[in-house]
Amino acid sequence: MDAAGTDKQVVIDHLSDKAKYDFGLITRALDKHDQAAFAELMERYREPIYYMLLKMVNSQDDAEDLMIETFGKAFRRL
């Protein structure tokens, strides 16, 4: 159980296969400082995040910059 009293295994058991795989990547990235896991997470989510940002800012250059900032902030907070 974590500090909030949640049994992580129970939560993990209810995730989709994709979410379980992503959880494994995040765990590897954090616990083992696995750069390949970080890279794979970025590759998996780069395109959807880019297109979401592109719709928001309507500029390819700005969307690219924001995507890089987004990944940087996300990984610093992991």
C-alpha atoms as a PDB file:
ATOM      1  CA  MET A   1       0.000   0.000   0.000  1.00  0.00           C
ATOM      2  CA  ASP A   2       1.111   3.524  -0.685  1.00  0.00           C
ATOM      3  CA  ALA A   3       0.871   6.550   1.619  1.00  0.00           C
ATOM      4  CA  ALA A   4      -2.743   7.142   0.546  1.00  0.00           C
ATOM      5  CA  GLY A   5      -3.715   3.594   1.526  1.00  0.00           C
ATOM      6  CA  THR A   6      -4.075   2.390  -2.062  1.00  0.00           C
ATOM      7  CA  ASP A   7      -3.026  -1.131  -2.971  1.00  0.00           C
ATOM      8  CA  LYS A   8      -1.033  -0.525  -6.159  1.00  0.00           C
ATOM      9  CA  GLN A   9      -1.391  -4.105  -7.401  1.00  0.00           C
ATOM     10  CA  VAL A  10      -5.200  -3.879  -7.262  1.00  0.00           C
ATOM     11  CA  VAL A  11      -5.066  -0.675  -9.310  1.00  0.00           C
ATOM     12  CA  ILE A  12      -2.596  -2.147 -11.814  1.00  0.00           C
ATOM     13  CA  ASP A  13      -4.756  -5.244 -12.284  1.00  0.00           C
ATOM     14  CA  HIS A  14      -7.589  -3.047 -13.584  1.00  0.00           C
ATOM     15  CA  LEU A  15      -5.538  -1.161 -16.160  1.00  0.00           C
ATOM     16  CA  SER A  16      -5.716  -1.788 -19.900  1.00  0.00           C
ATOM     17  CA  ASP A  17      -2.814  -3.665 -21.481  1.00  0.00           C
ATOM     18  CA  LYS A  18      -1.489  -0.397 -22.941  1.00  0.00           C
ATOM     19  CA  ALA A  19      -1.651   1.320 -19.548  1.00  0.00           C
ATOM     20  CA  LYS A  20       0.109  -1.648 -17.897  1.00  0.00           C
ATOM     21  CA  TYR A  21       2.869  -1.446 -20.493  1.00  0.00           C
ATOM     22  CA  ASP A  22       3.223   2.318 -19.939  1.00  0.00           C
ATOM     23  CA  PHE A  23       3.291   1.746 -16.163  1.00  0.00           C
ATOM     24  CA  GLY A  24       6.140  -0.704 -16.694  1.00  0.00           C
ATOM     25  CA  LEU A  25       8.031   1.853 -18.790  1.00  0.00           C
ATOM     26  CA  ILE A  26       7.546   4.539 -16.157  1.00  0.00           C
ATOM     27  CA  THR A  27       8.670   2.155 -13.417  1.00  0.00           C
ATOM     28  CA  ARG A  28      11.810   1.243 -15.381  1.00  0.00           C
ATOM     29  CA  ALA A  29      12.523   4.879 -16.119  1.00  0.00           C
ATOM     30  CA  LEU A  30      12.183   5.903 -12.482  1.00  0.00           C
ATOM     31  CA  ASP A  31      13.523   2.946 -10.550  1.00  0.00           C
ATOM     32  CA  LYS A  32      16.361   1.995 -12.867  1.00  0.00           C
ATOM     33  CA  HIS A  33      16.984   5.343 -14.573  1.00  0.00           C
ATOM     34  CA  ASP A  34      16.451   3.497 -17.849  1.00  0.00           C
ATOM     35  CA  GLN A  35      16.978   6.024 -20.644  1.00  0.00           C
ATOM     36  CA  ALA A  36      15.542   3.611 -23.216  1.00  0.00           C
ATOM     37  CA  ALA A  37      12.273   3.551 -21.250  1.00  0.00           C
ATOM     38  CA  PHE A  38      12.162   7.381 -21.238  1.00  0.00           C
ATOM     39  CA  ALA A  39      12.831   7.385 -24.975  1.00  0.00           C
ATOM     40  CA  GLU A  40      10.093   4.849 -25.652  1.00  0.00           C
ATOM     41  CA  LEU A  41       7.568   6.861 -23.632  1.00  0.00           C
ATOM     42  CA  MET A  42       8.460   9.950 -25.625  1.00  0.00           C
ATOM     43  CA  GLU A  43       8.131   8.062 -28.905  1.00  0.00           C
ATOM     44  CA  ARG A  44       4.750   6.599 -27.919  1.00  0.00           C
ATOM     45  CA  TYR A  45       3.259   9.959 -26.931  1.00  0.00           C
ATOM     46  CA  ARG A  46       5.151  12.469 -29.089  1.00  0.00           C
ATOM     47  CA  GLU A  47       2.734  12.496 -31.994  1.00  0.00           C
ATOM     48  CA  PRO A  48      -0.573  12.669 -30.078  1.00  0.00           C
ATOM     49  CA  ILE A  49       0.762  15.432 -27.838  1.00  0.00           C
ATOM     50  CA  TYR A  50       2.156  17.341 -30.821  1.00  0.00           C
ATOM     51  CA  TYR A  51      -1.178  17.261 -32.680  1.00  0.00           C
ATOM     52  CA  MET A  52      -3.136  18.265 -29.589  1.00  0.00           C
ATOM     53  CA  LEU A  53      -0.800  21.230 -29.103  1.00  0.00           C
ATOM     54  CA  LEU A  54      -0.945  22.086 -32.802  1.00  0.00           C
ATOM     55  CA  LYS A  55      -4.726  22.364 -32.573  1.00  0.00           C
ATOM     56  CA  MET A  56      -4.345  24.640 -29.572  1.00  0.00           C
ATOM     57  CA  VAL A  57      -1.687  27.016 -30.922  1.00  0.00           C
ATOM     58  CA  ASN A  58      -2.108  26.638 -34.703  1.00  0.00           C
ATOM     59  CA  SER A  59       1.654  26.881 -35.301  1.00  0.00           C
ATOM     60  CA  GLN A  60       3.959  23.963 -36.075  1.00  0.00           C
ATOM     61  CA  ASP A  61       7.007  25.652 -34.560  1.00  0.00           C
ATOM     62  CA  ASP A  62       5.169  26.603 -31.370  1.00  0.00           C
ATOM     63  CA  ALA A  63       3.629  23.128 -31.074  1.00  0.00           C
ATOM     64  CA  GLU A  64       7.096  21.549 -31.411  1.00  0.00           C
ATOM     65  CA  ASP A  65       8.548  23.865 -28.759  1.00  0.00           C
ATOM     66  CA  LEU A  66       5.650  23.234 -26.397  1.00  0.00           C
ATOM     67  CA  MET A  67       5.927  19.476 -26.897  1.00  0.00           C
ATOM     68  CA  ILE A  68       9.590  19.556 -25.895  1.00  0.00           C
ATOM     69  CA  GLU A  69       8.739  21.673 -22.839  1.00  0.00           C
ATOM     70  CA  THR A  70       5.892  19.299 -21.945  1.00  0.00           C
ATOM     71  CA  PHE A  71       8.115  16.228 -21.973  1.00  0.00           C
ATOM     72  CA  GLY A  72      10.819  18.057 -20.045  1.00  0.00           C
ATOM     73  CA  LYS A  73       8.413  19.093 -17.302  1.00  0.00           C
ATOM     74  CA  ALA A  74       6.782  15.689 -17.147  1.00  0.00           C
ATOM     75  CA  PHE A  75      10.052  13.836 -16.735  1.00  0.00           C
ATOM     76  CA  ARG A  76      11.435  16.289 -14.179  1.00  0.00           C
ATOM     77  CA  ARG A  77       8.340  15.675 -12.058  1.00  0.00           C
ATOM     78  CA  LEU A  78       8.463  11.872 -12.301  1.00  0.00           C
END
